[in-house]
Amino acid sequence: LSADASGALKFNKKVLSTKSGAVTIDMKNPSSVPHAIAVEGNGVDKDGETVMKGGKSSITVDLKPGKYTFYCSVPGHKEAGMSGTLTVN
């Protein structure tokens, strides 16, 4: 997963899928705008570290089957559309 390199408040993907269990999401930040990765849903709410250009934000969470939202936890970014759906099978 990667933040948009142009600085737009979006990821390079809107949909992710994985198997249940321990899941690690890595987000690269090629943008000059700070970003972070976070996931919420089904009782899970975890935020990764906010990183600057060239950094990588990562989280590892134990996920059960279902739908989750992944998003940027920098204030205002999720509201601007920097989010997507993670489906866990």
N, C-alpha and C. Protein backbone atom coordinates (compact mmCIF):
# COMPACT_ATOMS: atom_id res chain seq x y z
N LEU A 1 0.85 -1.18 0.00
CA LEU A 1 0.00 0.00 0.00
C LEU A 1 0.88 1.23 0.00
N SER A 2 0.44 2.27 -0.69
CA SER A 2 1.23 3.48 -0.77
C SER A 2 0.33 4.71 -0.76
N ALA A 3 0.81 5.78 -0.14
CA ALA A 3 0.13 7.06 -0.24
C ALA A 3 0.37 7.61 -1.64
N ASP A 4 -0.49 8.51 -2.09
CA ASP A 4 -0.36 9.10 -3.42
C ASP A 4 0.89 9.99 -3.46
N ALA A 5 1.76 9.77 -4.44
CA ALA A 5 3.03 10.50 -4.52
C ALA A 5 2.85 11.99 -4.79
N SER A 6 1.74 12.37 -5.42
CA SER A 6 1.53 13.78 -5.78
C SER A 6 1.10 14.63 -4.59
N GLY A 7 0.78 13.98 -3.46
CA GLY A 7 0.32 14.72 -2.29
C GLY A 7 -1.19 14.71 -2.13
N ALA A 8 -1.90 14.12 -3.09
CA ALA A 8 -3.35 13.99 -2.97
C ALA A 8 -3.67 13.11 -1.77
N LEU A 9 -4.80 13.38 -1.10
CA LEU A 9 -5.17 12.61 0.09
C LEU A 9 -5.89 11.33 -0.33
N LYS A 10 -5.09 10.37 -0.81
CA LYS A 10 -5.62 9.07 -1.22
C LYS A 10 -4.50 8.04 -1.22
N PHE A 11 -4.92 6.77 -1.19
CA PHE A 11 -3.97 5.66 -1.31
C PHE A 11 -3.94 5.19 -2.75
N ASN A 12 -2.97 4.34 -3.09
CA ASN A 12 -2.91 3.79 -4.44
C ASN A 12 -3.93 2.67 -4.64
N LYS A 13 -4.55 2.19 -3.55
CA LYS A 13 -5.59 1.16 -3.64
C LYS A 13 -6.74 1.52 -2.72
N LYS A 14 -7.98 1.21 -3.15
CA LYS A 14 -9.17 1.45 -2.33
C LYS A 14 -9.69 0.16 -1.70
N VAL A 15 -9.20 -0.98 -2.21
CA VAL A 15 -9.68 -2.29 -1.76
C VAL A 15 -8.50 -3.21 -1.51
N LEU A 16 -8.49 -3.85 -0.33
CA LEU A 16 -7.48 -4.85 0.01
C LEU A 16 -8.20 -6.09 0.52
N SER A 17 -7.57 -7.26 0.40
CA SER A 17 -8.15 -8.48 0.97
C SER A 17 -7.03 -9.35 1.50
N THR A 18 -7.37 -10.14 2.53
CA THR A 18 -6.38 -11.01 3.16
C THR A 18 -7.10 -12.13 3.89
N LYS A 19 -6.32 -13.08 4.40
CA LYS A 19 -6.88 -14.16 5.22
C LYS A 19 -6.89 -13.71 6.69
N SER A 20 -7.75 -14.33 7.49
CA SER A 20 -7.86 -13.98 8.91
C SER A 20 -6.59 -14.39 9.66
N GLY A 21 -6.42 -13.79 10.83
CA GLY A 21 -5.24 -14.06 11.66
C GLY A 21 -4.43 -12.80 11.82
N ALA A 22 -3.14 -12.96 12.09
CA ALA A 22 -2.25 -11.81 12.25
C ALA A 22 -1.99 -11.19 10.88
N VAL A 23 -2.38 -9.93 10.73
CA VAL A 23 -2.26 -9.23 9.44
C VAL A 23 -1.39 -7.99 9.65
N THR A 24 -0.38 -7.84 8.79
CA THR A 24 0.46 -6.65 8.82
C THR A 24 0.17 -5.82 7.58
N ILE A 25 -0.10 -4.54 7.79
CA ILE A 25 -0.30 -3.61 6.68
C ILE A 25 0.85 -2.61 6.70
N ASP A 26 1.58 -2.54 5.60
CA ASP A 26 2.68 -1.59 5.43
C ASP A 26 2.25 -0.53 4.42
N MET A 27 2.43 0.73 4.78
CA MET A 27 2.11 1.83 3.86
C MET A 27 3.35 2.68 3.64
N LYS A 28 3.79 2.78 2.39
CA LYS A 28 4.91 3.64 2.05
C LYS A 28 4.40 5.06 1.81
N ASN A 29 5.22 6.05 2.17
CA ASN A 29 4.82 7.44 1.96
C ASN A 29 5.82 8.15 1.04
N PRO A 30 5.51 8.19 -0.28
CA PRO A 30 6.38 8.91 -1.22
C PRO A 30 6.02 10.41 -1.32
N SER A 31 5.03 10.83 -0.54
CA SER A 31 4.51 12.19 -0.61
C SER A 31 5.20 13.12 0.38
N SER A 32 5.17 14.42 0.10
CA SER A 32 5.73 15.41 1.02
C SER A 32 4.78 15.69 2.18
N VAL A 33 3.57 15.12 2.13
CA VAL A 33 2.56 15.27 3.18
C VAL A 33 2.70 14.12 4.17
N PRO A 34 2.65 14.37 5.49
CA PRO A 34 2.73 13.26 6.45
C PRO A 34 1.50 12.36 6.38
N HIS A 35 1.71 11.05 6.52
CA HIS A 35 0.61 10.08 6.48
C HIS A 35 0.87 8.96 7.49
N ALA A 36 -0.19 8.21 7.79
CA ALA A 36 -0.10 7.04 8.67
C ALA A 36 -1.13 6.02 8.21
N ILE A 37 -0.94 4.77 8.59
CA ILE A 37 -1.93 3.74 8.30
C ILE A 37 -2.66 3.38 9.59
N ALA A 38 -3.95 3.12 9.46
CA ALA A 38 -4.77 2.70 10.59
C ALA A 38 -5.85 1.76 10.07
N VAL A 39 -6.40 0.95 10.97
CA VAL A 39 -7.49 0.04 10.59
C VAL A 39 -8.51 0.02 11.72
N GLU A 40 -9.79 -0.04 11.34
CA GLU A 40 -10.86 -0.12 12.33
C GLU A 40 -11.99 -0.98 11.81
N GLY A 41 -12.75 -1.53 12.76
CA GLY A 41 -13.90 -2.36 12.44
C GLY A 41 -13.90 -3.62 13.27
N ASN A 42 -15.09 -4.16 13.55
CA ASN A 42 -15.23 -5.42 14.30
C ASN A 42 -14.45 -5.40 15.61
N GLY A 43 -14.49 -4.27 16.32
CA GLY A 43 -13.82 -4.17 17.60
C GLY A 43 -12.35 -3.83 17.54
N VAL A 44 -11.81 -3.68 16.33
CA VAL A 44 -10.39 -3.34 16.14
C VAL A 44 -10.28 -1.85 15.84
N ASP A 45 -9.30 -1.20 16.46
CA ASP A 45 -9.02 0.21 16.16
C ASP A 45 -7.55 0.45 16.48
N LYS A 46 -6.70 0.41 15.44
CA LYS A 46 -5.26 0.52 15.67
C LYS A 46 -4.65 1.51 14.67
N ASP A 47 -3.82 2.40 15.20
CA ASP A 47 -3.15 3.41 14.38
C ASP A 47 -1.65 3.13 14.32
N GLY A 48 -1.09 3.31 13.14
CA GLY A 48 0.36 3.21 12.98
C GLY A 48 1.01 4.58 13.17
N GLU A 49 2.32 4.58 13.10
CA GLU A 49 3.10 5.80 13.27
C GLU A 49 2.93 6.73 12.06
N THR A 50 2.84 8.04 12.32
CA THR A 50 2.80 9.02 11.24
C THR A 50 4.22 9.19 10.70
N VAL A 51 4.35 9.11 9.37
CA VAL A 51 5.67 9.18 8.75
C VAL A 51 5.71 10.27 7.68
N MET A 52 6.90 10.81 7.49
CA MET A 52 7.13 11.82 6.47
C MET A 52 7.58 11.14 5.17
N LYS A 53 7.89 11.95 4.16
CA LYS A 53 8.31 11.45 2.85
C LYS A 53 9.45 10.44 2.99
N GLY A 54 9.29 9.29 2.32
CA GLY A 54 10.29 8.23 2.35
C GLY A 54 10.11 7.25 3.49
N GLY A 55 9.16 7.53 4.40
CA GLY A 55 8.94 6.66 5.55
C GLY A 55 7.94 5.56 5.26
N LYS A 56 7.82 4.64 6.23
CA LYS A 56 6.86 3.55 6.11
C LYS A 56 6.12 3.40 7.44
N SER A 57 4.80 3.42 7.38
CA SER A 57 3.96 3.22 8.55
C SER A 57 3.42 1.80 8.50
N SER A 58 3.51 1.07 9.61
CA SER A 58 3.08 -0.34 9.65
C SER A 58 2.25 -0.61 10.89
N ILE A 59 1.28 -1.50 10.72
CA ILE A 59 0.52 -2.01 11.87
C ILE A 59 0.33 -3.50 11.69
N THR A 60 0.27 -4.21 12.82
CA THR A 60 -0.05 -5.64 12.80
C THR A 60 -1.23 -5.84 13.74
N VAL A 61 -2.28 -6.45 13.21
CA VAL A 61 -3.50 -6.67 13.99
C VAL A 61 -4.01 -8.09 13.76
N ASP A 62 -4.69 -8.63 14.75
CA ASP A 62 -5.31 -9.95 14.64
C ASP A 62 -6.73 -9.74 14.15
N LEU A 63 -7.02 -10.15 12.92
CA LEU A 63 -8.31 -9.88 12.30
C LEU A 63 -9.13 -11.15 12.08
N LYS A 64 -10.40 -11.04 12.42
CA LYS A 64 -11.37 -12.10 12.15
C LYS A 64 -12.01 -11.83 10.79
N PRO A 65 -12.66 -12.84 10.18
CA PRO A 65 -13.33 -12.59 8.91
C PRO A 65 -14.34 -11.45 9.02
N GLY A 66 -14.40 -10.64 7.98
CA GLY A 66 -15.33 -9.51 7.94
C GLY A 66 -14.75 -8.36 7.15
N LYS A 67 -15.43 -7.21 7.24
CA LYS A 67 -14.99 -6.01 6.52
C LYS A 67 -14.44 -5.00 7.52
N TYR A 68 -13.35 -4.37 7.15
CA TYR A 68 -12.68 -3.36 7.97
C TYR A 68 -12.42 -2.13 7.10
N THR A 69 -12.18 -1.01 7.74
CA THR A 69 -11.78 0.20 7.03
C THR A 69 -10.32 0.46 7.33
N PHE A 70 -9.53 0.66 6.26
CA PHE A 70 -8.16 1.14 6.47
C PHE A 70 -8.15 2.60 6.06
N TYR A 71 -7.36 3.40 6.77
CA TYR A 71 -7.39 4.84 6.52
C TYR A 71 -6.13 5.51 7.03
N CYS A 72 -5.97 6.77 6.66
CA CYS A 72 -4.87 7.58 7.18
C CYS A 72 -5.38 8.27 8.44
N SER A 73 -4.64 8.09 9.55
CA SER A 73 -5.09 8.64 10.83
C SER A 73 -4.62 10.07 11.08
N VAL A 74 -3.95 10.69 10.12
CA VAL A 74 -3.60 12.11 10.26
C VAL A 74 -4.91 12.90 10.22
N PRO A 75 -5.13 13.82 11.18
CA PRO A 75 -6.41 14.55 11.25
C PRO A 75 -6.82 15.17 9.91
N GLY A 76 -8.06 14.86 9.51
CA GLY A 76 -8.63 15.40 8.28
C GLY A 76 -8.44 14.55 7.05
N HIS A 77 -7.47 13.64 7.06
CA HIS A 77 -7.18 12.85 5.86
C HIS A 77 -8.26 11.82 5.56
N LYS A 78 -8.72 11.09 6.59
CA LYS A 78 -9.79 10.10 6.38
C LYS A 78 -11.04 10.81 5.86
N GLU A 79 -11.36 11.96 6.47
CA GLU A 79 -12.55 12.71 6.09
C GLU A 79 -12.46 13.21 4.64
N ALA A 80 -11.22 13.42 4.17
CA ALA A 80 -11.01 13.89 2.80
C ALA A 80 -11.02 12.74 1.79
N GLY A 81 -11.21 11.51 2.28
CA GLY A 81 -11.32 10.37 1.38
C GLY A 81 -10.14 9.42 1.37
N MET A 82 -9.20 9.61 2.29
CA MET A 82 -8.03 8.72 2.33
C MET A 82 -8.37 7.48 3.15
N SER A 83 -9.15 6.60 2.53
CA SER A 83 -9.57 5.37 3.20
C SER A 83 -9.94 4.33 2.15
N GLY A 84 -10.13 3.11 2.63
CA GLY A 84 -10.52 2.02 1.75
C GLY A 84 -11.08 0.88 2.56
N THR A 85 -11.45 -0.19 1.87
CA THR A 85 -12.05 -1.35 2.51
C THR A 85 -11.10 -2.54 2.49
N LEU A 86 -10.94 -3.16 3.66
CA LEU A 86 -10.14 -4.38 3.81
C LEU A 86 -11.11 -5.52 4.09
N THR A 87 -11.13 -6.51 3.20
CA THR A 87 -11.97 -7.69 3.38
C THR A 87 -11.11 -8.83 3.90
N VAL A 88 -11.52 -9.43 5.02
CA VAL A 88 -10.79 -10.54 5.62
C VAL A 88 -11.63 -11.81 5.47
N ASN A 89 -11.02 -12.85 4.88
CA ASN A 89 -11.72 -14.12 4.66
C ASN A 89 -11.28 -15.18 5.66
